[in-house]
């Protein structure tokens, strides 16, 4: 069901400040830089900054899946409460999330562009 870690998205209410800080500590500039999301490729994995993400929820880790609809249904059937429905974020990338038993958010990502390094 879960194929491995793919992405972590940090809330970034001050997107410019977060982008500058992460660029400095990572030693790279973002490969994707828009007002709604900034993405860094770090060793083939995504570190994202989302100005609209909830700081109360904290960072969300996304696990790779083949089919977000199928895996979300399996997670919901296992008793995990829904956090977000499946949504397309562009270029065929689809995300969803649930709350795991400890209350943290577990994200899933269907990303046809991901290639393990």
N, C-alpha and C. Protein backbone atom coordinates (compact mmCIF):
# COMPACT_ATOMS: atom_id res chain seq x y z
N UNK A 1 0.84 -1.19 0.00
CA UNK A 1 0.00 0.00 0.00
C UNK A 1 0.88 1.25 0.00
N UNK A 2 1.71 1.46 1.04
CA UNK A 2 2.61 2.61 1.09
C UNK A 2 3.95 2.20 0.52
N UNK A 3 4.45 2.95 -0.46
CA UNK A 3 5.66 2.57 -1.19
C UNK A 3 6.95 3.15 -0.60
N UNK A 4 6.85 4.16 0.17
CA UNK A 4 8.03 4.81 0.74
C UNK A 4 7.81 6.31 0.84
N UNK A 5 8.65 6.95 1.57
CA UNK A 5 8.54 8.39 1.74
C UNK A 5 8.78 9.11 0.41
N UNK A 6 8.04 10.21 0.22
CA UNK A 6 8.19 10.98 -1.02
C UNK A 6 8.39 12.47 -0.74
N UNK A 7 7.56 13.02 0.15
CA UNK A 7 7.47 14.47 0.29
C UNK A 7 7.19 14.86 1.73
N UNK A 8 7.75 15.96 2.17
CA UNK A 8 7.34 16.59 3.42
C UNK A 8 7.02 18.04 3.10
N UNK A 9 5.89 18.51 3.61
CA UNK A 9 5.45 19.87 3.36
C UNK A 9 5.35 20.61 4.69
N UNK A 10 6.10 21.71 4.78
CA UNK A 10 6.09 22.54 5.96
C UNK A 10 5.16 23.73 5.76
N UNK A 11 4.40 24.08 6.80
CA UNK A 11 3.63 25.32 6.72
C UNK A 11 4.61 26.49 6.63
N UNK A 12 4.29 27.47 5.81
CA UNK A 12 5.18 28.62 5.60
C UNK A 12 4.36 29.90 5.48
N UNK A 13 3.82 30.39 6.61
CA UNK A 13 3.00 31.60 6.52
C UNK A 13 3.76 32.80 5.96
N UNK A 14 5.07 32.87 6.22
CA UNK A 14 5.93 33.88 5.60
C UNK A 14 6.78 33.14 4.56
N UNK A 15 6.20 32.96 3.38
CA UNK A 15 6.81 32.11 2.36
C UNK A 15 8.20 32.61 1.95
N UNK A 16 8.38 33.91 1.77
CA UNK A 16 9.68 34.44 1.35
C UNK A 16 10.75 34.18 2.40
N UNK A 17 10.41 34.39 3.64
CA UNK A 17 11.38 34.14 4.72
C UNK A 17 11.74 32.65 4.79
N UNK A 18 10.72 31.79 4.71
CA UNK A 18 10.97 30.34 4.75
C UNK A 18 11.82 29.90 3.56
N UNK A 19 11.50 30.42 2.38
CA UNK A 19 12.26 30.06 1.17
C UNK A 19 13.73 30.46 1.31
N UNK A 20 13.97 31.66 1.79
CA UNK A 20 15.34 32.14 1.98
C UNK A 20 16.08 31.26 2.99
N UNK A 21 15.43 30.94 4.10
CA UNK A 21 16.06 30.13 5.15
C UNK A 21 16.37 28.72 4.65
N UNK A 22 15.39 28.06 4.04
CA UNK A 22 15.62 26.70 3.55
C UNK A 22 16.67 26.69 2.43
N UNK A 23 16.66 27.68 1.55
CA UNK A 23 17.68 27.75 0.49
C UNK A 23 19.07 27.80 1.11
N UNK A 24 19.22 28.60 2.18
CA UNK A 24 20.53 28.74 2.82
C UNK A 24 20.96 27.44 3.50
N UNK A 25 20.06 26.80 4.24
CA UNK A 25 20.49 25.60 4.98
C UNK A 25 20.63 24.38 4.07
N UNK A 26 19.88 24.35 2.97
CA UNK A 26 19.97 23.23 2.04
C UNK A 26 21.08 23.43 1.00
N UNK A 27 21.45 24.67 0.78
CA UNK A 27 22.49 24.96 -0.21
C UNK A 27 22.02 24.87 -1.64
N UNK A 28 20.70 24.92 -1.86
CA UNK A 28 20.13 24.89 -3.21
C UNK A 28 18.95 25.85 -3.28
N UNK A 29 18.67 26.28 -4.48
CA UNK A 29 17.49 27.10 -4.72
C UNK A 29 16.32 26.17 -5.04
N UNK A 30 15.09 26.63 -4.84
CA UNK A 30 13.94 25.79 -5.17
C UNK A 30 13.86 25.54 -6.68
N UNK A 31 13.37 24.36 -7.04
CA UNK A 31 13.14 24.07 -8.46
C UNK A 31 11.76 24.56 -8.89
N UNK A 32 10.88 24.77 -7.90
CA UNK A 32 9.52 25.26 -8.17
C UNK A 32 9.28 26.40 -7.19
N UNK A 33 8.92 27.57 -7.72
CA UNK A 33 8.80 28.75 -6.87
C UNK A 33 7.61 29.59 -7.33
N UNK A 34 6.50 29.40 -6.65
CA UNK A 34 5.28 30.13 -6.96
C UNK A 34 4.70 30.70 -5.66
N UNK A 35 3.82 31.68 -5.74
CA UNK A 35 3.25 32.26 -4.52
C UNK A 35 2.43 31.27 -3.69
N UNK A 36 1.99 30.17 -4.31
CA UNK A 36 1.16 29.19 -3.60
C UNK A 36 1.94 27.97 -3.12
N UNK A 37 3.23 27.82 -3.52
CA UNK A 37 4.02 26.66 -3.13
C UNK A 37 5.45 26.83 -3.61
N UNK A 38 6.38 26.42 -2.76
CA UNK A 38 7.79 26.40 -3.13
C UNK A 38 8.29 24.98 -2.90
N UNK A 39 8.97 24.41 -3.91
CA UNK A 39 9.45 23.04 -3.80
C UNK A 39 10.95 22.93 -4.04
N UNK A 40 11.60 22.15 -3.18
CA UNK A 40 13.02 21.84 -3.32
C UNK A 40 13.16 20.36 -3.61
N UNK A 41 14.09 20.00 -4.49
CA UNK A 41 14.43 18.61 -4.74
C UNK A 41 15.68 18.31 -3.93
N UNK A 42 15.51 17.45 -2.92
CA UNK A 42 16.62 17.11 -2.05
C UNK A 42 16.85 15.61 -2.16
N UNK A 43 17.88 15.23 -2.89
CA UNK A 43 18.20 13.81 -3.06
C UNK A 43 17.08 13.03 -3.71
N UNK A 44 16.30 13.68 -4.56
CA UNK A 44 15.20 13.01 -5.25
C UNK A 44 13.87 13.07 -4.50
N UNK A 45 13.88 13.68 -3.31
CA UNK A 45 12.66 13.80 -2.52
C UNK A 45 12.26 15.27 -2.45
N UNK A 46 11.00 15.50 -2.18
CA UNK A 46 10.44 16.85 -2.17
C UNK A 46 10.39 17.42 -0.77
N UNK A 47 10.92 18.62 -0.61
CA UNK A 47 10.68 19.42 0.58
C UNK A 47 9.87 20.60 0.10
N UNK A 48 8.63 20.70 0.58
CA UNK A 48 7.73 21.74 0.12
C UNK A 48 7.42 22.75 1.20
N UNK A 49 7.12 23.96 0.76
CA UNK A 49 6.69 25.05 1.64
C UNK A 49 5.34 25.52 1.15
N UNK A 50 4.36 25.51 2.04
CA UNK A 50 2.98 25.85 1.68
C UNK A 50 2.49 27.00 2.55
N UNK A 51 2.26 28.18 1.95
CA UNK A 51 1.81 29.32 2.75
C UNK A 51 0.39 29.15 3.30
N UNK A 52 -0.37 28.23 2.75
CA UNK A 52 -1.75 28.02 3.21
C UNK A 52 -1.90 26.86 4.17
N UNK A 53 -0.81 26.13 4.45
CA UNK A 53 -0.88 24.99 5.36
C UNK A 53 -1.04 25.47 6.80
N UNK A 54 -1.68 24.66 7.60
CA UNK A 54 -1.94 25.00 8.99
C UNK A 54 -0.69 24.80 9.85
N UNK A 55 -0.28 25.86 10.55
CA UNK A 55 0.84 25.71 11.47
C UNK A 55 0.45 24.84 12.66
N UNK A 56 -0.83 24.76 12.98
CA UNK A 56 -1.29 23.88 14.07
C UNK A 56 -1.11 22.41 13.69
N UNK A 57 -1.28 22.08 12.41
CA UNK A 57 -1.09 20.70 11.96
C UNK A 57 0.38 20.35 11.86
N UNK A 58 1.24 21.35 11.66
CA UNK A 58 2.66 21.10 11.52
C UNK A 58 2.99 20.53 10.15
N UNK A 59 4.23 20.06 9.97
CA UNK A 59 4.62 19.47 8.69
C UNK A 59 3.83 18.19 8.42
N UNK A 60 3.57 17.94 7.15
CA UNK A 60 2.88 16.71 6.75
C UNK A 60 3.81 15.90 5.86
N UNK A 61 3.99 14.64 6.22
CA UNK A 61 4.80 13.72 5.43
C UNK A 61 3.88 12.93 4.51
N UNK A 62 4.26 12.83 3.25
CA UNK A 62 3.47 12.11 2.25
C UNK A 62 4.20 10.84 1.84
N UNK A 63 3.47 9.75 1.85
CA UNK A 63 3.97 8.43 1.43
C UNK A 63 3.49 8.17 0.01
N UNK A 64 4.35 7.61 -0.81
CA UNK A 64 4.01 7.31 -2.20
C UNK A 64 3.03 6.18 -2.31
N UNK A 65 2.09 6.31 -3.25
CA UNK A 65 1.11 5.27 -3.55
C UNK A 65 0.87 5.23 -5.05
N UNK A 66 0.37 4.08 -5.54
CA UNK A 66 0.03 3.97 -6.96
C UNK A 66 -1.28 4.66 -7.30
N UNK A 67 -2.26 4.57 -6.40
CA UNK A 67 -3.60 5.10 -6.66
C UNK A 67 -4.14 5.73 -5.39
N UNK A 68 -4.18 7.05 -5.34
CA UNK A 68 -4.59 7.77 -4.13
C UNK A 68 -6.02 7.43 -3.73
N UNK A 69 -6.92 7.24 -4.69
CA UNK A 69 -8.31 6.91 -4.35
C UNK A 69 -8.40 5.57 -3.64
N UNK A 70 -7.72 4.58 -4.16
CA UNK A 70 -7.75 3.23 -3.59
C UNK A 70 -7.14 3.22 -2.19
N UNK A 71 -5.97 3.84 -2.05
CA UNK A 71 -5.29 3.82 -0.76
C UNK A 71 -6.04 4.65 0.28
N UNK A 72 -6.60 5.78 -0.12
CA UNK A 72 -7.40 6.55 0.83
C UNK A 72 -8.58 5.73 1.32
N UNK A 73 -9.25 5.02 0.43
CA UNK A 73 -10.37 4.17 0.84
C UNK A 73 -9.90 3.09 1.82
N UNK A 74 -8.73 2.49 1.57
CA UNK A 74 -8.20 1.47 2.48
C UNK A 74 -7.90 2.07 3.84
N UNK A 75 -7.32 3.26 3.86
CA UNK A 75 -7.01 3.90 5.14
C UNK A 75 -8.28 4.25 5.90
N UNK A 76 -9.28 4.77 5.21
CA UNK A 76 -10.56 5.09 5.86
C UNK A 76 -11.23 3.82 6.38
N UNK A 77 -11.18 2.74 5.59
CA UNK A 77 -11.75 1.47 6.03
C UNK A 77 -11.03 0.89 7.24
N UNK A 78 -9.76 1.26 7.42
CA UNK A 78 -9.00 0.77 8.57
C UNK A 78 -9.36 1.53 9.85
N UNK A 79 -10.19 2.57 9.71
CA UNK A 79 -10.61 3.35 10.87
C UNK A 79 -9.95 4.70 10.99
N UNK A 80 -9.06 5.04 10.07
CA UNK A 80 -8.40 6.35 10.12
C UNK A 80 -9.39 7.44 9.73
N UNK A 81 -9.51 8.49 10.54
CA UNK A 81 -10.40 9.60 10.17
C UNK A 81 -9.79 10.40 9.01
N UNK A 82 -10.65 10.83 8.10
CA UNK A 82 -10.19 11.64 6.96
C UNK A 82 -9.67 12.98 7.45
N UNK A 83 -8.63 13.47 6.81
CA UNK A 83 -8.13 14.83 7.04
C UNK A 83 -8.40 15.67 5.80
N UNK A 84 -7.96 15.19 4.62
CA UNK A 84 -8.28 15.86 3.36
C UNK A 84 -8.66 14.81 2.32
N UNK A 85 -9.56 15.16 1.44
CA UNK A 85 -9.95 14.28 0.34
C UNK A 85 -8.85 14.29 -0.73
N UNK A 86 -8.94 13.36 -1.67
CA UNK A 86 -8.00 13.34 -2.79
C UNK A 86 -8.20 14.62 -3.60
N UNK A 87 -7.09 15.27 -3.90
CA UNK A 87 -7.14 16.48 -4.73
C UNK A 87 -5.95 16.48 -5.68
N UNK A 88 -6.19 17.00 -6.87
CA UNK A 88 -5.15 17.11 -7.90
C UNK A 88 -4.45 18.44 -7.69
N UNK A 89 -3.13 18.41 -7.54
CA UNK A 89 -2.37 19.65 -7.35
C UNK A 89 -1.60 20.04 -8.60
N UNK A 90 -1.89 19.36 -9.71
CA UNK A 90 -1.26 19.70 -10.98
C UNK A 90 -0.31 18.63 -11.48
N UNK A 91 -0.21 18.53 -12.79
CA UNK A 91 0.71 17.60 -13.47
C UNK A 91 0.48 16.15 -13.07
N UNK A 92 -0.76 15.80 -12.76
CA UNK A 92 -1.09 14.42 -12.42
C UNK A 92 -0.73 14.02 -11.00
N UNK A 93 -0.31 14.96 -10.18
CA UNK A 93 0.04 14.67 -8.79
C UNK A 93 -1.22 14.82 -7.94
N UNK A 94 -1.51 13.77 -7.17
CA UNK A 94 -2.73 13.76 -6.36
C UNK A 94 -2.38 13.45 -4.91
N UNK A 95 -2.99 14.22 -3.99
CA UNK A 95 -2.72 14.11 -2.56
C UNK A 95 -3.99 13.83 -1.78
N UNK A 96 -3.83 13.23 -0.61
CA UNK A 96 -4.91 13.07 0.37
C UNK A 96 -4.25 12.84 1.72
N UNK A 97 -5.03 12.93 2.80
CA UNK A 97 -4.45 12.66 4.11
C UNK A 97 -5.52 12.19 5.09
N UNK A 98 -5.03 11.48 6.10
CA UNK A 98 -5.86 10.98 7.20
C UNK A 98 -5.15 11.30 8.51
N UNK A 99 -5.84 11.04 9.61
CA UNK A 99 -5.21 11.11 10.93
C UNK A 99 -4.86 9.68 11.34
N UNK A 100 -3.60 9.48 11.73
CA UNK A 100 -3.20 8.16 12.19
C UNK A 100 -3.63 8.02 13.66
N UNK A 101 -3.51 6.82 14.27
CA UNK A 101 -4.03 6.61 15.61
C UNK A 101 -3.52 7.58 16.67
N UNK A 102 -2.32 8.10 16.52
CA UNK A 102 -1.79 9.06 17.48
C UNK A 102 -2.28 10.48 17.26
N UNK A 103 -3.04 10.70 16.18
CA UNK A 103 -3.59 12.01 15.89
C UNK A 103 -2.81 12.82 14.87
N UNK A 104 -1.61 12.36 14.52
CA UNK A 104 -0.81 13.07 13.51
C UNK A 104 -1.40 12.85 12.12
N UNK A 105 -1.01 13.69 11.21
CA UNK A 105 -1.50 13.59 9.83
C UNK A 105 -0.57 12.67 9.04
N UNK A 106 -1.15 11.72 8.34
CA UNK A 106 -0.43 10.84 7.43
C UNK A 106 -0.92 11.18 6.02
N UNK A 107 0.00 11.65 5.18
CA UNK A 107 -0.36 12.02 3.82
C UNK A 107 0.02 10.93 2.83
N UNK A 108 -0.73 10.88 1.74
CA UNK A 108 -0.41 9.99 0.63
C UNK A 108 -0.30 10.83 -0.64
N UNK A 109 0.60 10.40 -1.53
CA UNK A 109 0.83 11.13 -2.77
C UNK A 109 0.96 10.15 -3.93
N UNK A 110 0.19 10.40 -4.94
CA UNK A 110 0.29 9.67 -6.22
C UNK A 110 1.02 10.62 -7.16
N UNK A 111 2.28 10.30 -7.45
CA UNK A 111 3.11 11.19 -8.24
C UNK A 111 3.72 10.41 -9.41
N UNK A 112 3.17 10.55 -10.60
CA UNK A 112 3.69 9.80 -11.75
C UNK A 112 5.10 10.24 -12.17
N UNK A 113 5.59 11.34 -11.62
CA UNK A 113 6.92 11.86 -12.00
C UNK A 113 8.02 11.41 -11.06
N UNK A 114 7.67 10.81 -9.91
CA UNK A 114 8.68 10.45 -8.92
C UNK A 114 9.55 9.31 -9.44
N UNK A 115 10.87 9.48 -9.28
CA UNK A 115 11.83 8.43 -9.60
C UNK A 115 12.83 8.37 -8.46
N UNK A 116 12.92 7.24 -7.80
CA UNK A 116 13.88 7.09 -6.71
C UNK A 116 15.30 7.27 -7.24
N UNK A 117 16.11 7.93 -6.45
CA UNK A 117 17.50 8.18 -6.83
C UNK A 117 18.35 7.01 -6.40
